[in-house]
Amino acid sequence: MGGLIITTYHERPPWGTDIAYEAGFVQGTRIRQYDVHGDRVRELLGGGCARMETEGLGGPKATHNPAEWVAGCLDGAAGRPSRHQGLAY
């Protein structure tokens, strides 16, 4: 069973898109919460999330789906709720 899953998904979890989005969302939310003056949030929303991912600061979870990591980071930095909250998404 495990071999079939690894062969099918090439060692990438089938829910990798969700993992990447949530990791970016958590990163963006943390930065937003600790940004006292709002300078860092403006920088993230102005392209900083994409720059962080390009520089490798997104971590290994961002490699599952870099575009979703950036989308999650932008949502977290903007203060929007996670797309994946709730039972159905």
N, C-alpha and C. Protein backbone atom coordinates (compact mmCIF):
# COMPACT_ATOMS: atom_id res chain seq x y z
N MET A 1 0.83 -1.20 0.00
CA MET A 1 0.00 0.00 0.00
C MET A 1 0.87 1.26 0.00
N GLY A 2 1.86 1.31 0.91
CA GLY A 2 2.73 2.48 0.98
C GLY A 2 3.53 2.68 -0.29
N GLY A 3 3.99 1.57 -0.88
CA GLY A 3 4.74 1.66 -2.13
C GLY A 3 3.91 2.22 -3.26
N LEU A 4 2.63 1.86 -3.29
CA LEU A 4 1.73 2.37 -4.32
C LEU A 4 1.55 3.88 -4.18
N ILE A 5 1.40 4.34 -2.96
CA ILE A 5 1.24 5.78 -2.72
C ILE A 5 2.50 6.53 -3.12
N ILE A 6 3.66 6.02 -2.73
CA ILE A 6 4.92 6.69 -3.08
C ILE A 6 5.10 6.69 -4.60
N THR A 7 4.79 5.58 -5.25
CA THR A 7 4.91 5.52 -6.71
C THR A 7 3.96 6.50 -7.39
N THR A 8 2.75 6.59 -6.87
CA THR A 8 1.74 7.46 -7.47
C THR A 8 2.08 8.93 -7.31
N TYR A 9 2.50 9.32 -6.12
CA TYR A 9 2.71 10.74 -5.82
C TYR A 9 4.17 11.16 -5.79
N HIS A 10 5.10 10.25 -6.07
CA HIS A 10 6.52 10.57 -6.15
C HIS A 10 7.02 11.25 -4.87
N GLU A 11 6.71 10.66 -3.73
CA GLU A 11 7.12 11.13 -2.41
C GLU A 11 6.56 12.49 -2.05
N ARG A 12 5.62 12.98 -2.79
CA ARG A 12 4.93 14.24 -2.48
C ARG A 12 3.55 13.87 -1.96
N PRO A 13 3.17 14.39 -0.78
CA PRO A 13 1.86 14.02 -0.26
C PRO A 13 0.74 14.51 -1.17
N PRO A 14 -0.34 13.75 -1.29
CA PRO A 14 -1.44 14.16 -2.17
C PRO A 14 -2.11 15.45 -1.72
N TRP A 15 -1.93 15.82 -0.48
CA TRP A 15 -2.51 17.06 0.04
C TRP A 15 -1.44 18.16 0.13
N GLY A 16 -0.42 18.07 -0.69
CA GLY A 16 0.69 19.03 -0.67
C GLY A 16 0.26 20.47 -0.92
N THR A 17 -0.76 20.66 -1.74
CA THR A 17 -1.26 22.00 -2.01
C THR A 17 -1.81 22.63 -0.74
N ASP A 18 -2.56 21.86 0.04
CA ASP A 18 -3.09 22.36 1.31
C ASP A 18 -1.97 22.67 2.30
N ILE A 19 -0.96 21.80 2.33
CA ILE A 19 0.17 22.02 3.23
C ILE A 19 0.89 23.31 2.88
N ALA A 20 1.13 23.53 1.60
CA ALA A 20 1.83 24.74 1.16
C ALA A 20 1.03 25.99 1.49
N TYR A 21 -0.28 25.97 1.22
CA TYR A 21 -1.12 27.14 1.49
C TYR A 21 -1.12 27.46 2.98
N GLU A 22 -1.35 26.46 3.81
CA GLU A 22 -1.43 26.69 5.25
C GLU A 22 -0.10 27.17 5.82
N ALA A 23 1.02 26.64 5.32
CA ALA A 23 2.33 27.09 5.78
C ALA A 23 2.54 28.57 5.44
N GLY A 24 2.16 28.97 4.24
CA GLY A 24 2.27 30.38 3.86
C GLY A 24 1.33 31.25 4.68
N PHE A 25 0.14 30.75 4.94
CA PHE A 25 -0.84 31.49 5.74
C PHE A 25 -0.32 31.72 7.15
N VAL A 26 0.24 30.70 7.75
CA VAL A 26 0.79 30.84 9.11
C VAL A 26 1.93 31.84 9.12
N GLN A 27 2.81 31.78 8.13
CA GLN A 27 3.94 32.72 8.05
C GLN A 27 3.43 34.16 7.91
N GLY A 28 2.50 34.38 7.00
CA GLY A 28 1.95 35.73 6.81
C GLY A 28 1.23 36.24 8.04
N THR A 29 0.49 35.37 8.72
CA THR A 29 -0.23 35.76 9.93
C THR A 29 0.73 36.11 11.05
N ARG A 30 1.78 35.33 11.22
CA ARG A 30 2.76 35.61 12.27
C ARG A 30 3.43 36.97 12.05
N ILE A 31 3.80 37.22 10.82
CA ILE A 31 4.45 38.51 10.52
C ILE A 31 3.47 39.64 10.79
N ARG A 32 2.23 39.48 10.40
CA ARG A 32 1.20 40.51 10.64
C ARG A 32 1.02 40.77 12.13
N GLN A 33 0.99 39.72 12.93
CA GLN A 33 0.76 39.87 14.36
C GLN A 33 1.91 40.58 15.06
N TYR A 34 3.13 40.38 14.60
CA TYR A 34 4.28 40.98 15.26
C TYR A 34 4.73 42.30 14.64
N ASP A 35 4.05 42.74 13.61
CA ASP A 35 4.41 44.00 12.94
C ASP A 35 3.69 45.16 13.63
N VAL A 36 4.40 45.89 14.45
CA VAL A 36 3.80 46.96 15.25
C VAL A 36 3.41 48.15 14.39
N HIS A 37 4.25 48.52 13.45
CA HIS A 37 4.02 49.74 12.67
C HIS A 37 3.35 49.49 11.31
N GLY A 38 3.26 48.25 10.87
CA GLY A 38 2.61 47.94 9.60
C GLY A 38 3.54 47.99 8.40
N ASP A 39 4.81 48.28 8.63
CA ASP A 39 5.75 48.37 7.51
C ASP A 39 5.99 47.01 6.85
N ARG A 40 6.13 46.00 7.67
CA ARG A 40 6.41 44.66 7.14
C ARG A 40 5.20 44.11 6.38
N VAL A 41 3.99 44.40 6.86
CA VAL A 41 2.78 43.93 6.17
C VAL A 41 2.69 44.58 4.79
N ARG A 42 2.94 45.87 4.72
CA ARG A 42 2.91 46.56 3.41
C ARG A 42 3.94 45.96 2.46
N GLU A 43 5.10 45.62 3.00
CA GLU A 43 6.14 45.04 2.18
C GLU A 43 5.73 43.65 1.68
N LEU A 44 5.10 42.85 2.55
CA LEU A 44 4.64 41.52 2.13
C LEU A 44 3.58 41.62 1.04
N LEU A 45 2.63 42.52 1.22
CA LEU A 45 1.55 42.67 0.25
C LEU A 45 2.05 43.27 -1.07
N GLY A 46 3.17 43.95 -1.03
CA GLY A 46 3.74 44.56 -2.23
C GLY A 46 4.74 43.66 -2.95
N GLY A 47 4.68 42.38 -2.71
CA GLY A 47 5.58 41.45 -3.40
C GLY A 47 6.54 40.73 -2.48
N GLY A 48 6.47 41.00 -1.20
CA GLY A 48 7.38 40.37 -0.25
C GLY A 48 7.16 38.89 -0.07
N CYS A 49 5.91 38.45 -0.17
CA CYS A 49 5.64 37.00 -0.03
C CYS A 49 6.30 36.23 -1.17
N ALA A 50 6.16 36.71 -2.38
CA ALA A 50 6.79 36.04 -3.53
C ALA A 50 8.30 36.09 -3.41
N ARG A 51 8.83 37.20 -2.94
CA ARG A 51 10.28 37.34 -2.77
C ARG A 51 10.78 36.35 -1.71
N MET A 52 10.04 36.22 -0.60
CA MET A 52 10.44 35.26 0.44
C MET A 52 10.48 33.84 -0.11
N GLU A 53 9.48 33.48 -0.88
CA GLU A 53 9.44 32.13 -1.43
C GLU A 53 10.58 31.92 -2.42
N THR A 54 10.86 32.91 -3.24
CA THR A 54 11.94 32.81 -4.22
C THR A 54 13.30 32.66 -3.53
N GLU A 55 13.47 33.34 -2.41
CA GLU A 55 14.73 33.28 -1.67
C GLU A 55 14.84 32.02 -0.81
N GLY A 56 13.81 31.19 -0.81
CA GLY A 56 13.85 29.95 -0.04
C GLY A 56 13.41 30.09 1.40
N LEU A 57 12.84 31.24 1.76
CA LEU A 57 12.43 31.46 3.14
C LEU A 57 11.08 30.83 3.46
N GLY A 58 10.45 30.23 2.48
CA GLY A 58 9.17 29.57 2.71
C GLY A 58 9.33 28.21 3.37
N GLY A 59 10.52 27.69 3.37
CA GLY A 59 10.77 26.40 3.99
C GLY A 59 10.41 25.24 3.08
N PRO A 60 10.59 24.03 3.59
CA PRO A 60 10.33 22.85 2.75
C PRO A 60 8.86 22.67 2.37
N LYS A 61 7.95 23.18 3.18
CA LYS A 61 6.53 23.01 2.85
C LYS A 61 6.14 23.84 1.63
N ALA A 62 6.85 24.91 1.37
CA ALA A 62 6.55 25.75 0.20
C ALA A 62 6.89 25.04 -1.10
N THR A 63 7.76 24.04 -1.04
CA THR A 63 8.16 23.35 -2.27
C THR A 63 7.05 22.48 -2.82
N HIS A 64 6.04 22.14 -2.01
CA HIS A 64 4.93 21.33 -2.51
C HIS A 64 4.15 22.08 -3.58
N ASN A 65 3.96 23.38 -3.39
CA ASN A 65 3.25 24.20 -4.36
C ASN A 65 3.58 25.67 -4.06
N PRO A 66 4.63 26.20 -4.66
CA PRO A 66 5.08 27.57 -4.34
C PRO A 66 4.00 28.63 -4.54
N ALA A 67 3.19 28.51 -5.57
CA ALA A 67 2.15 29.52 -5.82
C ALA A 67 1.11 29.52 -4.69
N GLU A 68 0.77 28.35 -4.19
CA GLU A 68 -0.18 28.29 -3.07
C GLU A 68 0.43 28.82 -1.79
N TRP A 69 1.74 28.62 -1.61
CA TRP A 69 2.40 29.17 -0.43
C TRP A 69 2.30 30.70 -0.46
N VAL A 70 2.57 31.28 -1.61
CA VAL A 70 2.49 32.74 -1.76
C VAL A 70 1.05 33.21 -1.53
N ALA A 71 0.07 32.50 -2.07
CA ALA A 71 -1.33 32.88 -1.86
C ALA A 71 -1.70 32.83 -0.39
N GLY A 72 -1.24 31.82 0.32
CA GLY A 72 -1.50 31.72 1.75
C GLY A 72 -0.82 32.84 2.53
N CYS A 73 0.40 33.15 2.15
CA CYS A 73 1.14 34.24 2.79
C CYS A 73 0.40 35.56 2.60
N LEU A 74 -0.07 35.81 1.40
CA LEU A 74 -0.80 37.06 1.12
C LEU A 74 -2.10 37.12 1.93
N ASP A 75 -2.82 36.00 2.02
CA ASP A 75 -4.05 35.98 2.80
C ASP A 75 -3.77 36.24 4.27
N GLY A 76 -2.73 35.61 4.80
CA GLY A 76 -2.38 35.82 6.20
C GLY A 76 -1.92 37.23 6.48
N ALA A 77 -1.11 37.79 5.60
CA ALA A 77 -0.61 39.15 5.79
C ALA A 77 -1.74 40.17 5.67
N ALA A 78 -2.73 39.89 4.84
CA ALA A 78 -3.85 40.82 4.67
C ALA A 78 -4.89 40.69 5.77
N GLY A 79 -4.77 39.65 6.59
CA GLY A 79 -5.72 39.47 7.67
C GLY A 79 -6.99 38.75 7.25
N ARG A 80 -6.98 38.17 6.07
CA ARG A 80 -8.14 37.41 5.61
C ARG A 80 -8.16 36.04 6.28
N PRO A 81 -9.33 35.42 6.42
CA PRO A 81 -9.37 34.07 6.98
C PRO A 81 -8.81 33.06 5.99
N SER A 82 -8.33 31.97 6.51
CA SER A 82 -7.79 30.90 5.67
C SER A 82 -8.87 30.35 4.75
N ARG A 83 -8.50 30.05 3.52
CA ARG A 83 -9.45 29.45 2.58
C ARG A 83 -9.90 28.08 3.04
N HIS A 84 -9.10 27.44 3.85
CA HIS A 84 -9.36 26.07 4.24
C HIS A 84 -10.01 25.93 5.59
N GLN A 85 -10.59 26.98 6.12
CA GLN A 85 -11.30 26.88 7.38
C GLN A 85 -12.66 26.27 7.14
N GLY A 86 -13.11 25.51 8.10
CA GLY A 86 -14.43 24.89 7.98
C GLY A 86 -14.35 23.45 7.52
N LEU A 87 -15.48 22.85 7.37
CA LEU A 87 -15.52 21.43 6.99
C LEU A 87 -15.39 21.20 5.51
N ALA A 88 -15.92 22.11 4.72
CA ALA A 88 -15.87 21.94 3.27
C ALA A 88 -15.22 23.16 2.65
N TYR A 89 -14.36 22.92 1.69
CA TYR A 89 -13.72 24.02 0.97
C TYR A 89 -13.54 23.67 -0.48
